Amino acid sequence: MTLILLAISLTIMLCIIAYNLAIYALPVMVAISAAQYAWAGGAGIFMSGFAGAGAALLSIALVIGILGFAKNPALRVIALAMFAIPAAIAGYALVHGVTKNTIDSTIVLNLLGGAGGLFIGIAAMVNLNALGVSVFSR
């Protein structure tokens, strides 16, 4: 019984950590790509890390800048979608990976993964929109 409760609590903790990381899927992807590009260009490990961190911060600043200065709602939604689509893909993969060994039906598994991806994508949009509003309201 204790082992079952431990497994359930660790799964819940994994989902909470992964949810918090999946919201920022776009900056992580940009950081990894920039670090790999800098490493292939001959930079050292620290410079590659700095390039990755700078690219991640630049991607967040770009989206927040668009949210702060754009008056067109379509442009704002496109900027938020650019941030939320990788988060939705990461959310789908997260839910699919956690539940694939417990659910036999493929249809239910895909529906549950899609709902998780949609939830995390919307959470990423809301989180970034709130961050953009709070930055430019000062």
C-alpha atoms as a PDB file:
ATOM      1  CA  MET A   1       0.000   0.000   0.000  1.00  0.00           C
ATOM      2  CA  THR A   2       2.836   2.392   0.834  1.00  0.00           C
ATOM      3  CA  LEU A   3       4.500   1.719  -2.503  1.00  0.00           C
ATOM      4  CA  ILE A   4       1.297   2.523  -4.372  1.00  0.00           C
ATOM      5  CA  LEU A   5       0.882   5.815  -2.519  1.00  0.00           C
ATOM      6  CA  LEU A   6       4.523   6.644  -3.205  1.00  0.00           C
ATOM      7  CA  ALA A   7       4.060   5.943  -6.915  1.00  0.00           C
ATOM      8  CA  ILE A   8       0.935   8.104  -7.044  1.00  0.00           C
ATOM      9  CA  SER A   9       2.585  10.995  -5.215  1.00  0.00           C
ATOM     10  CA  LEU A  10       5.702  10.807  -7.395  1.00  0.00           C
ATOM     11  CA  THR A  11       3.530  10.799 -10.530  1.00  0.00           C
ATOM     12  CA  ILE A  12       1.683  13.871  -9.303  1.00  0.00           C
ATOM     13  CA  MET A  13       4.988  15.599  -8.505  1.00  0.00           C
ATOM     14  CA  LEU A  14       6.319  14.689 -11.965  1.00  0.00           C
ATOM     15  CA  CYS A  15       3.231  16.166 -13.582  1.00  0.00           C
ATOM     16  CA  ILE A  16       3.516  19.402 -11.611  1.00  0.00           C
ATOM     17  CA  ILE A  17       7.198  19.819 -12.498  1.00  0.00           C
ATOM     18  CA  ALA A  18       6.586  18.923 -16.130  1.00  0.00           C
ATOM     19  CA  TYR A  19       3.612  21.312 -16.311  1.00  0.00           C
ATOM     20  CA  ASN A  20       5.775  24.171 -15.073  1.00  0.00           C
ATOM     21  CA  LEU A  21       8.489  23.287 -17.593  1.00  0.00           C
ATOM     22  CA  ALA A  22       6.136  22.637 -20.525  1.00  0.00           C
ATOM     23  CA  ILE A  23       4.775  26.176 -20.361  1.00  0.00           C
ATOM     24  CA  TYR A  24       8.207  27.434 -21.412  1.00  0.00           C
ATOM     25  CA  ALA A  25       8.772  24.932 -24.231  1.00  0.00           C
ATOM     26  CA  LEU A  26       9.544  27.584 -26.878  1.00  0.00           C
ATOM     27  CA  PRO A  27      12.385  29.274 -24.944  1.00  0.00           C
ATOM     28  CA  VAL A  28      13.854  25.874 -24.095  1.00  0.00           C
ATOM     29  CA  MET A  29      13.783  24.817 -27.754  1.00  0.00           C
ATOM     30  CA  VAL A  30      15.340  28.115 -28.817  1.00  0.00           C
ATOM     31  CA  ALA A  31      18.020  27.842 -26.123  1.00  0.00           C
ATOM     32  CA  ILE A  32      18.956  24.293 -27.106  1.00  0.00           C
ATOM     33  CA  SER A  33      19.130  25.213 -30.791  1.00  0.00           C
ATOM     34  CA  ALA A  34      21.262  28.298 -30.151  1.00  0.00           C
ATOM     35  CA  ALA A  35      23.613  26.389 -27.853  1.00  0.00           C
ATOM     36  CA  GLN A  36      24.027  23.607 -30.425  1.00  0.00           C
ATOM     37  CA  TYR A  37      24.671  26.149 -33.162  1.00  0.00           C
ATOM     38  CA  ALA A  38      27.277  27.959 -31.052  1.00  0.00           C
ATOM     39  CA  TRP A  39      28.917  24.653 -30.099  1.00  0.00           C
ATOM     40  CA  ALA A  40      29.109  23.616 -33.756  1.00  0.00           C
ATOM     41  CA  GLY A  41      30.630  27.004 -34.554  1.00  0.00           C
ATOM     42  CA  GLY A  42      33.534  26.314 -32.224  1.00  0.00           C
ATOM     43  CA  ALA A  43      32.435  28.084 -29.049  1.00  0.00           C
ATOM     44  CA  GLY A  44      33.252  26.547 -25.705  1.00  0.00           C
ATOM     45  CA  ILE A  45      30.796  25.091 -23.260  1.00  0.00           C
ATOM     46  CA  PHE A  46      30.310  28.329 -21.321  1.00  0.00           C
ATOM     47  CA  MET A  47      29.840  30.478 -24.417  1.00  0.00           C
ATOM     48  CA  SER A  48      27.375  27.954 -25.801  1.00  0.00           C
ATOM     49  CA  GLY A  49      25.457  28.154 -22.533  1.00  0.00           C
ATOM     50  CA  PHE A  50      25.484  31.938 -22.636  1.00  0.00           C
ATOM     51  CA  ALA A  51      24.272  31.893 -26.235  1.00  0.00           C
ATOM     52  CA  GLY A  52      21.450  29.540 -25.298  1.00  0.00           C
ATOM     53  CA  ALA A  53      20.396  31.606 -22.289  1.00  0.00           C
ATOM     54  CA  GLY A  54      20.542  34.809 -24.327  1.00  0.00           C
ATOM     55  CA  ALA A  55      18.455  33.309 -27.115  1.00  0.00           C
ATOM     56  CA  ALA A  56      15.848  32.058 -24.627  1.00  0.00           C
ATOM     57  CA  LEU A  57      15.584  35.469 -22.973  1.00  0.00           C
ATOM     58  CA  LEU A  58      15.419  37.135 -26.378  1.00  0.00           C
ATOM     59  CA  SER A  59      12.548  34.884 -27.474  1.00  0.00           C
ATOM     60  CA  ILE A  60      10.576  35.732 -24.332  1.00  0.00           C
ATOM     61  CA  ALA A  61      11.382  39.443 -24.710  1.00  0.00           C
ATOM     62  CA  LEU A  62      10.280  39.370 -28.355  1.00  0.00           C
ATOM     63  CA  VAL A  63       6.886  37.913 -27.531  1.00  0.00           C
ATOM     64  CA  ILE A  64       6.403  40.247 -24.556  1.00  0.00           C
ATOM     65  CA  GLY A  65       7.431  43.195 -26.748  1.00  0.00           C
ATOM     66  CA  ILE A  66       4.881  42.216 -29.371  1.00  0.00           C
ATOM     67  CA  LEU A  67       2.222  41.891 -26.679  1.00  0.00           C
ATOM     68  CA  GLY A  68       3.116  45.268 -25.231  1.00  0.00           C
ATOM     69  CA  PHE A  69       3.338  47.336 -28.397  1.00  0.00           C
ATOM     70  CA  ALA A  70       0.990  45.669 -30.876  1.00  0.00           C
ATOM     71  CA  LYS A  71      -2.501  47.101 -31.059  1.00  0.00           C
ATOM     72  CA  ASN A  72      -3.775  44.542 -33.559  1.00  0.00           C
ATOM     73  CA  PRO A  73      -5.451  41.665 -31.695  1.00  0.00           C
ATOM     74  CA  ALA A  74      -4.630  39.211 -34.492  1.00  0.00           C
ATOM     75  CA  LEU A  75      -0.911  39.941 -34.133  1.00  0.00           C
ATOM     76  CA  ARG A  76      -1.153  39.455 -30.382  1.00  0.00           C
ATOM     77  CA  VAL A  77      -2.916  36.105 -30.805  1.00  0.00           C
ATOM     78  CA  ILE A  78      -0.290  34.994 -33.352  1.00  0.00           C
ATOM     79  CA  ALA A  79       2.504  35.906 -30.902  1.00  0.00           C
ATOM     80  CA  LEU A  80       0.772  33.997 -28.113  1.00  0.00           C
ATOM     81  CA  ALA A  81       0.145  31.027 -30.411  1.00  0.00           C
ATOM     82  CA  MET A  82       3.804  30.989 -31.406  1.00  0.00           C
ATOM     83  CA  PHE A  83       4.583  30.543 -27.711  1.00  0.00           C
ATOM     84  CA  ALA A  84       1.725  28.137 -26.941  1.00  0.00           C
ATOM     85  CA  ILE A  85       2.000  25.625 -29.809  1.00  0.00           C
ATOM     86  CA  PRO A  86       5.282  24.066 -28.577  1.00  0.00           C
ATOM     87  CA  ALA A  87       3.811  24.041 -25.060  1.00  0.00           C
ATOM     88  CA  ALA A  88       0.735  22.184 -26.337  1.00  0.00           C
ATOM     89  CA  ILE A  89       2.920  19.624 -28.103  1.00  0.00           C
ATOM     90  CA  ALA A  90       4.943  19.161 -24.923  1.00  0.00           C
ATOM     91  CA  GLY A  91       1.721  18.808 -22.920  1.00  0.00           C
ATOM     92  CA  TYR A  92       0.414  16.142 -25.280  1.00  0.00           C
ATOM     93  CA  ALA A  93       3.681  14.229 -25.048  1.00  0.00           C
ATOM     94  CA  LEU A  94       3.665  14.559 -21.255  1.00  0.00           C
ATOM     95  CA  VAL A  95       0.150  13.196 -20.797  1.00  0.00           C
ATOM     96  CA  HIS A  96       0.670  10.487 -23.403  1.00  0.00           C
ATOM     97  CA  GLY A  97       3.908   9.371 -21.763  1.00  0.00           C
ATOM     98  CA  VAL A  98       2.448   9.262 -18.259  1.00  0.00           C
ATOM     99  CA  THR A  99      -0.760   7.407 -19.191  1.00  0.00           C
ATOM    100  CA  LYS A 100       0.315   5.106 -22.038  1.00  0.00           C
ATOM    101  CA  ASN A 101       0.942   2.136 -19.759  1.00  0.00           C
ATOM    102  CA  THR A 102      -2.340   2.459 -17.859  1.00  0.00           C
ATOM    103  CA  ILE A 103      -4.885   3.031 -20.643  1.00  0.00           C
ATOM    104  CA  ASP A 104      -5.421   0.361 -23.276  1.00  0.00           C
ATOM    105  CA  SER A 105      -7.733   2.247 -25.632  1.00  0.00           C
ATOM    106  CA  THR A 106      -5.832   4.262 -28.219  1.00  0.00           C
ATOM    107  CA  ILE A 107      -8.763   6.599 -28.792  1.00  0.00           C
ATOM    108  CA  VAL A 108      -9.094   7.451 -25.111  1.00  0.00           C
ATOM    109  CA  LEU A 109      -5.319   7.862 -24.843  1.00  0.00           C
ATOM    110  CA  ASN A 110      -5.251  10.321 -27.749  1.00  0.00           C
ATOM    111  CA  LEU A 111      -8.258  12.222 -26.409  1.00  0.00           C
ATOM    112  CA  LEU A 112      -6.682  12.471 -22.971  1.00  0.00           C
ATOM    113  CA  GLY A 113      -3.355  13.555 -24.474  1.00  0.00           C
ATOM    114  CA  GLY A 114      -5.123  16.141 -26.626  1.00  0.00           C
ATOM    115  CA  ALA A 115      -6.974  17.497 -23.600  1.00  0.00           C
ATOM    116  CA  GLY A 116      -3.704  17.730 -21.678  1.00  0.00           C
ATOM    117  CA  GLY A 117      -2.007  19.470 -24.601  1.00  0.00           C
ATOM    118  CA  LEU A 118      -4.889  21.902 -24.934  1.00  0.00           C
ATOM    119  CA  PHE A 119      -4.817  22.619 -21.201  1.00  0.00           C
ATOM    120  CA  ILE A 120      -1.082  23.287 -21.144  1.00  0.00           C
ATOM    121  CA  GLY A 121      -1.236  25.361 -24.351  1.00  0.00           C
ATOM    122  CA  ILE A 122      -3.973  27.574 -22.909  1.00  0.00           C
ATOM    123  CA  ALA A 123      -2.070  27.847 -19.634  1.00  0.00           C
ATOM    124  CA  ALA A 124       1.009  28.984 -21.553  1.00  0.00           C
ATOM    125  CA  MET A 125      -1.015  31.635 -23.395  1.00  0.00           C
ATOM    126  CA  VAL A 126      -2.596  32.907 -20.177  1.00  0.00           C
ATOM    127  CA  ASN A 127       0.719  32.894 -18.319  1.00  0.00           C
ATOM    128  CA  LEU A 128       2.558  34.813 -21.029  1.00  0.00           C
ATOM    129  CA  ASN A 129      -0.293  37.271 -21.548  1.00  0.00           C
ATOM    130  CA  ALA A 130      -0.369  38.010 -17.805  1.00  0.00           C
ATOM    131  CA  LEU A 131       3.414  38.456 -17.821  1.00  0.00           C
ATOM    132  CA  GLY A 132       3.204  40.825 -20.798  1.00  0.00           C
ATOM    133  CA  VAL A 133       0.425  42.877 -19.194  1.00  0.00           C
ATOM    134  CA  SER A 134       2.272  43.147 -15.881  1.00  0.00           C
ATOM    135  CA  VAL A 135       5.534  44.220 -17.539  1.00  0.00           C
ATOM    136  CA  PHE A 136       3.950  47.034 -19.535  1.00  0.00           C
ATOM    137  CA  SER A 137       1.466  48.230 -16.896  1.00  0.00           C
ATOM    138  CA  ARG A 138       4.205  49.908 -14.873  1.00  0.00           C
END
